[in-house]
Amino acid sequence: MSSVPAPSMDEGPVAQRLRAALERSLAPTHLRIRDDGHLHVGHAGAREGGHFHIEIDSARFAGLARIARHRLIYDALGPLAPLGVHALAIDARAPGDR
């Protein structure tokens, strides 16, 4: 049984699509997506897209270095690039890393 919480009711459409892609590709046991766009109002990059923070735990990350974990995430989200994600902060852990 997964401990991945259901999407928050206030999770916007971009965050929902990020969640679906990550769940499909990485089968996370923990996944939290936070939209930090409100913290970047007025920042030039904010016009290019949203700012998101992802916390994700997945068995797929076991034995992988941080950069390899991030590559798996970017591979999973690659088709969503046109959504306009400007910045992505990532905390990617394997089970037992927390």
N, C-alpha and C. Protein backbone atom coordinates (compact mmCIF):
# COMPACT_ATOMS: atom_id res chain seq x y z
N MET A 1 0.84 -1.18 0.00
CA MET A 1 0.00 0.00 0.00
C MET A 1 0.88 1.25 0.00
N SER A 2 0.62 2.16 -0.87
CA SER A 2 1.40 3.38 -1.01
C SER A 2 0.99 4.41 0.03
N SER A 3 1.95 5.22 0.48
CA SER A 3 1.64 6.29 1.40
C SER A 3 1.55 7.63 0.68
N VAL A 4 1.45 7.59 -0.63
CA VAL A 4 1.37 8.82 -1.40
C VAL A 4 0.03 9.48 -1.10
N PRO A 5 0.07 10.72 -0.57
CA PRO A 5 -1.19 11.39 -0.28
C PRO A 5 -1.93 11.74 -1.56
N ALA A 6 -3.22 11.80 -1.44
CA ALA A 6 -4.05 12.22 -2.57
C ALA A 6 -3.71 13.67 -2.90
N PRO A 7 -3.92 14.07 -4.14
CA PRO A 7 -3.66 15.46 -4.50
C PRO A 7 -4.47 16.40 -3.61
N SER A 8 -3.86 17.50 -3.25
CA SER A 8 -4.55 18.51 -2.47
C SER A 8 -5.65 19.12 -3.34
N MET A 9 -6.73 19.49 -2.71
CA MET A 9 -7.84 20.11 -3.45
C MET A 9 -7.41 21.42 -4.08
N ASP A 10 -6.39 22.07 -3.52
CA ASP A 10 -5.94 23.34 -4.08
C ASP A 10 -4.75 23.16 -5.02
N GLU A 11 -4.42 21.91 -5.36
CA GLU A 11 -3.34 21.64 -6.30
C GLU A 11 -3.81 22.02 -7.69
N GLY A 12 -3.10 22.94 -8.32
CA GLY A 12 -3.50 23.44 -9.63
C GLY A 12 -3.30 22.42 -10.74
N PRO A 13 -3.76 22.76 -11.94
CA PRO A 13 -3.68 21.81 -13.05
C PRO A 13 -2.27 21.42 -13.45
N VAL A 14 -1.31 22.32 -13.35
CA VAL A 14 0.07 21.97 -13.69
C VAL A 14 0.61 20.98 -12.66
N ALA A 15 0.41 21.26 -11.38
CA ALA A 15 0.86 20.35 -10.32
C ALA A 15 0.20 18.99 -10.45
N GLN A 16 -1.06 18.95 -10.83
CA GLN A 16 -1.76 17.68 -11.02
C GLN A 16 -1.13 16.87 -12.15
N ARG A 17 -0.74 17.54 -13.22
CA ARG A 17 -0.10 16.84 -14.33
C ARG A 17 1.31 16.37 -13.97
N LEU A 18 2.03 17.18 -13.18
CA LEU A 18 3.34 16.75 -12.69
C LEU A 18 3.18 15.50 -11.83
N ARG A 19 2.19 15.52 -10.93
CA ARG A 19 1.92 14.39 -10.05
C ARG A 19 1.63 13.13 -10.86
N ALA A 20 0.75 13.24 -11.83
CA ALA A 20 0.37 12.06 -12.63
C ALA A 20 1.58 11.47 -13.34
N ALA A 21 2.42 12.32 -13.90
CA ALA A 21 3.61 11.83 -14.62
C ALA A 21 4.59 11.14 -13.68
N LEU A 22 4.80 11.72 -12.51
CA LEU A 22 5.73 11.13 -11.55
C LEU A 22 5.19 9.82 -10.98
N GLU A 23 3.90 9.77 -10.69
CA GLU A 23 3.31 8.54 -10.18
C GLU A 23 3.40 7.42 -11.21
N ARG A 24 3.15 7.76 -12.45
CA ARG A 24 3.18 6.77 -13.53
C ARG A 24 4.60 6.23 -13.76
N SER A 25 5.59 7.10 -13.74
CA SER A 25 6.96 6.70 -14.07
C SER A 25 7.77 6.16 -12.90
N LEU A 26 7.54 6.69 -11.70
CA LEU A 26 8.44 6.38 -10.59
C LEU A 26 7.78 5.67 -9.41
N ALA A 27 6.49 5.45 -9.45
CA ALA A 27 5.77 4.73 -8.38
C ALA A 27 6.24 5.18 -7.00
N PRO A 28 6.11 6.46 -6.69
CA PRO A 28 6.63 6.95 -5.41
C PRO A 28 5.85 6.42 -4.21
N THR A 29 6.57 6.31 -3.09
CA THR A 29 5.92 5.97 -1.83
C THR A 29 5.58 7.23 -1.05
N HIS A 30 6.19 8.33 -1.45
CA HIS A 30 5.88 9.66 -0.88
C HIS A 30 6.02 10.65 -2.02
N LEU A 31 5.03 11.53 -2.15
CA LEU A 31 5.09 12.56 -3.19
C LEU A 31 4.33 13.78 -2.71
N ARG A 32 5.04 14.89 -2.67
CA ARG A 32 4.41 16.16 -2.31
C ARG A 32 4.87 17.19 -3.32
N ILE A 33 3.93 17.90 -3.89
CA ILE A 33 4.24 18.94 -4.87
C ILE A 33 3.69 20.25 -4.35
N ARG A 34 4.58 21.23 -4.25
CA ARG A 34 4.17 22.54 -3.73
C ARG A 34 4.41 23.58 -4.82
N ASP A 35 3.42 24.39 -5.08
CA ASP A 35 3.54 25.48 -6.04
C ASP A 35 4.06 26.70 -5.28
N ASP A 36 5.28 27.11 -5.60
CA ASP A 36 5.89 28.26 -4.94
C ASP A 36 5.81 29.52 -5.79
N GLY A 37 4.93 29.52 -6.77
CA GLY A 37 4.82 30.65 -7.68
C GLY A 37 4.57 31.97 -6.98
N HIS A 38 3.78 31.94 -5.90
CA HIS A 38 3.46 33.17 -5.18
C HIS A 38 4.70 33.83 -4.56
N LEU A 39 5.76 33.05 -4.39
CA LEU A 39 6.99 33.60 -3.83
C LEU A 39 7.84 34.33 -4.87
N HIS A 40 7.46 34.21 -6.12
CA HIS A 40 8.27 34.75 -7.20
C HIS A 40 7.54 35.80 -8.04
N VAL A 41 6.46 36.30 -7.53
CA VAL A 41 5.72 37.35 -8.24
C VAL A 41 6.66 38.53 -8.47
N GLY A 42 6.70 39.02 -9.69
CA GLY A 42 7.57 40.12 -10.04
C GLY A 42 8.93 39.69 -10.56
N HIS A 43 9.31 38.44 -10.32
CA HIS A 43 10.57 37.89 -10.83
C HIS A 43 10.42 37.67 -12.33
N ALA A 44 11.42 38.03 -13.10
CA ALA A 44 11.34 37.92 -14.56
C ALA A 44 10.97 36.50 -15.00
N GLY A 45 11.52 35.50 -14.35
CA GLY A 45 11.24 34.12 -14.73
C GLY A 45 9.80 33.70 -14.46
N ALA A 46 9.12 34.40 -13.58
CA ALA A 46 7.73 34.05 -13.25
C ALA A 46 6.84 34.19 -14.48
N ARG A 47 7.21 35.04 -15.41
CA ARG A 47 6.42 35.19 -16.64
C ARG A 47 6.57 33.97 -17.55
N GLU A 48 7.67 33.22 -17.37
CA GLU A 48 7.95 32.05 -18.22
C GLU A 48 7.26 30.79 -17.72
N GLY A 49 6.80 30.78 -16.48
CA GLY A 49 6.16 29.59 -15.95
C GLY A 49 6.26 29.52 -14.45
N GLY A 50 5.74 28.43 -13.90
CA GLY A 50 5.64 28.26 -12.46
C GLY A 50 6.92 27.79 -11.80
N HIS A 51 6.94 27.93 -10.49
CA HIS A 51 8.02 27.49 -9.63
C HIS A 51 7.44 26.40 -8.72
N PHE A 52 8.02 25.23 -8.75
CA PHE A 52 7.49 24.11 -7.98
C PHE A 52 8.58 23.46 -7.14
N HIS A 53 8.16 22.88 -6.02
CA HIS A 53 9.04 22.11 -5.15
C HIS A 53 8.46 20.70 -5.06
N ILE A 54 9.30 19.71 -5.33
CA ILE A 54 8.87 18.31 -5.32
C ILE A 54 9.64 17.55 -4.26
N GLU A 55 8.91 16.88 -3.37
CA GLU A 55 9.48 15.90 -2.45
C GLU A 55 9.02 14.55 -2.93
N ILE A 56 9.94 13.65 -3.20
CA ILE A 56 9.57 12.35 -3.74
C ILE A 56 10.48 11.26 -3.20
N ASP A 57 9.87 10.16 -2.78
CA ASP A 57 10.60 8.96 -2.38
C ASP A 57 10.19 7.86 -3.34
N SER A 58 11.17 7.14 -3.86
CA SER A 58 10.88 6.05 -4.78
C SER A 58 11.97 4.99 -4.68
N ALA A 59 11.57 3.74 -4.75
CA ALA A 59 12.53 2.63 -4.76
C ALA A 59 13.43 2.72 -5.99
N ARG A 60 12.97 3.39 -7.03
CA ARG A 60 13.77 3.56 -8.25
C ARG A 60 15.05 4.35 -7.98
N PHE A 61 15.10 5.10 -6.88
CA PHE A 61 16.27 5.92 -6.57
C PHE A 61 17.34 5.16 -5.79
N ALA A 62 17.03 3.96 -5.33
CA ALA A 62 17.97 3.21 -4.50
C ALA A 62 19.30 3.02 -5.23
N GLY A 63 20.38 3.36 -4.56
CA GLY A 63 21.71 3.19 -5.11
C GLY A 63 22.14 4.24 -6.13
N LEU A 64 21.28 5.21 -6.41
CA LEU A 64 21.60 6.23 -7.40
C LEU A 64 22.10 7.51 -6.74
N ALA A 65 23.02 8.17 -7.41
CA ALA A 65 23.49 9.47 -6.96
C ALA A 65 22.39 10.51 -7.19
N ARG A 66 22.54 11.63 -6.54
CA ARG A 66 21.54 12.70 -6.63
C ARG A 66 21.26 13.10 -8.08
N ILE A 67 22.30 13.26 -8.88
CA ILE A 67 22.11 13.68 -10.27
C ILE A 67 21.34 12.64 -11.06
N ALA A 68 21.57 11.37 -10.81
CA ALA A 68 20.84 10.31 -11.51
C ALA A 68 19.37 10.31 -11.10
N ARG A 69 19.10 10.58 -9.85
CA ARG A 69 17.71 10.68 -9.38
C ARG A 69 16.99 11.83 -10.08
N HIS A 70 17.68 12.96 -10.17
CA HIS A 70 17.09 14.13 -10.83
C HIS A 70 16.85 13.84 -12.31
N ARG A 71 17.76 13.12 -12.94
CA ARG A 71 17.57 12.78 -14.36
C ARG A 71 16.32 11.94 -14.55
N LEU A 72 16.07 10.99 -13.65
CA LEU A 72 14.85 10.18 -13.75
C LEU A 72 13.60 11.07 -13.65
N ILE A 73 13.65 12.04 -12.78
CA ILE A 73 12.51 12.96 -12.63
C ILE A 73 12.34 13.79 -13.88
N TYR A 74 13.42 14.36 -14.39
CA TYR A 74 13.32 15.17 -15.61
C TYR A 74 12.86 14.32 -16.80
N ASP A 75 13.30 13.07 -16.87
CA ASP A 75 12.84 12.18 -17.93
C ASP A 75 11.32 11.97 -17.83
N ALA A 76 10.84 11.78 -16.61
CA ALA A 76 9.41 11.57 -16.40
C ALA A 76 8.60 12.81 -16.75
N LEU A 77 9.17 13.98 -16.51
CA LEU A 77 8.44 15.23 -16.74
C LEU A 77 8.72 15.85 -18.10
N GLY A 78 9.67 15.29 -18.84
CA GLY A 78 10.05 15.86 -20.13
C GLY A 78 8.91 16.22 -21.05
N PRO A 79 7.94 15.32 -21.24
CA PRO A 79 6.83 15.65 -22.14
C PRO A 79 5.97 16.81 -21.66
N LEU A 80 6.14 17.20 -20.39
CA LEU A 80 5.33 18.29 -19.85
C LEU A 80 6.02 19.65 -19.96
N ALA A 81 7.19 19.69 -20.57
CA ALA A 81 7.94 20.94 -20.67
C ALA A 81 7.11 22.11 -21.21
N PRO A 82 6.24 21.89 -22.18
CA PRO A 82 5.46 23.01 -22.68
C PRO A 82 4.47 23.60 -21.67
N LEU A 83 4.31 22.97 -20.52
CA LEU A 83 3.40 23.50 -19.50
C LEU A 83 3.89 24.81 -18.91
N GLY A 84 5.15 25.11 -19.08
CA GLY A 84 5.67 26.35 -18.56
C GLY A 84 6.17 26.26 -17.13
N VAL A 85 6.90 25.21 -16.81
CA VAL A 85 7.54 25.12 -15.51
C VAL A 85 8.88 25.84 -15.63
N HIS A 86 9.04 26.92 -14.90
CA HIS A 86 10.26 27.71 -14.97
C HIS A 86 11.34 27.18 -14.03
N ALA A 87 10.93 26.77 -12.82
CA ALA A 87 11.90 26.32 -11.83
C ALA A 87 11.35 25.12 -11.08
N LEU A 88 12.26 24.20 -10.76
CA LEU A 88 11.88 22.97 -10.08
C LEU A 88 12.92 22.69 -8.99
N ALA A 89 12.48 22.71 -7.74
CA ALA A 89 13.34 22.31 -6.62
C ALA A 89 12.98 20.87 -6.30
N ILE A 90 13.99 20.02 -6.12
CA ILE A 90 13.74 18.59 -5.96
C ILE A 90 14.43 18.04 -4.72
N ASP A 91 13.66 17.30 -3.92
CA ASP A 91 14.19 16.48 -2.84
C ASP A 91 13.80 15.04 -3.20
N ALA A 92 14.76 14.26 -3.72
CA ALA A 92 14.50 12.90 -4.19
C ALA A 92 15.25 11.92 -3.30
N ARG A 93 14.48 11.00 -2.70
CA ARG A 93 15.09 10.05 -1.77
C ARG A 93 14.64 8.64 -2.07
N ALA A 94 15.50 7.70 -1.73
CA ALA A 94 15.15 6.29 -1.78
C ALA A 94 14.57 5.92 -0.42
N PRO A 95 13.79 4.84 -0.35
CA PRO A 95 13.28 4.41 0.96
C PRO A 95 14.43 4.25 1.95
N GLY A 96 14.24 4.76 3.15
CA GLY A 96 15.26 4.68 4.17
C GLY A 96 16.20 5.87 4.22
N ASP A 97 16.13 6.76 3.24
CA ASP A 97 16.99 7.96 3.23
C ASP A 97 16.52 9.01 4.22
N ARG A 98 15.27 9.01 4.58
CA ARG A 98 14.73 10.05 5.49
C ARG A 98 15.04 9.72 6.91
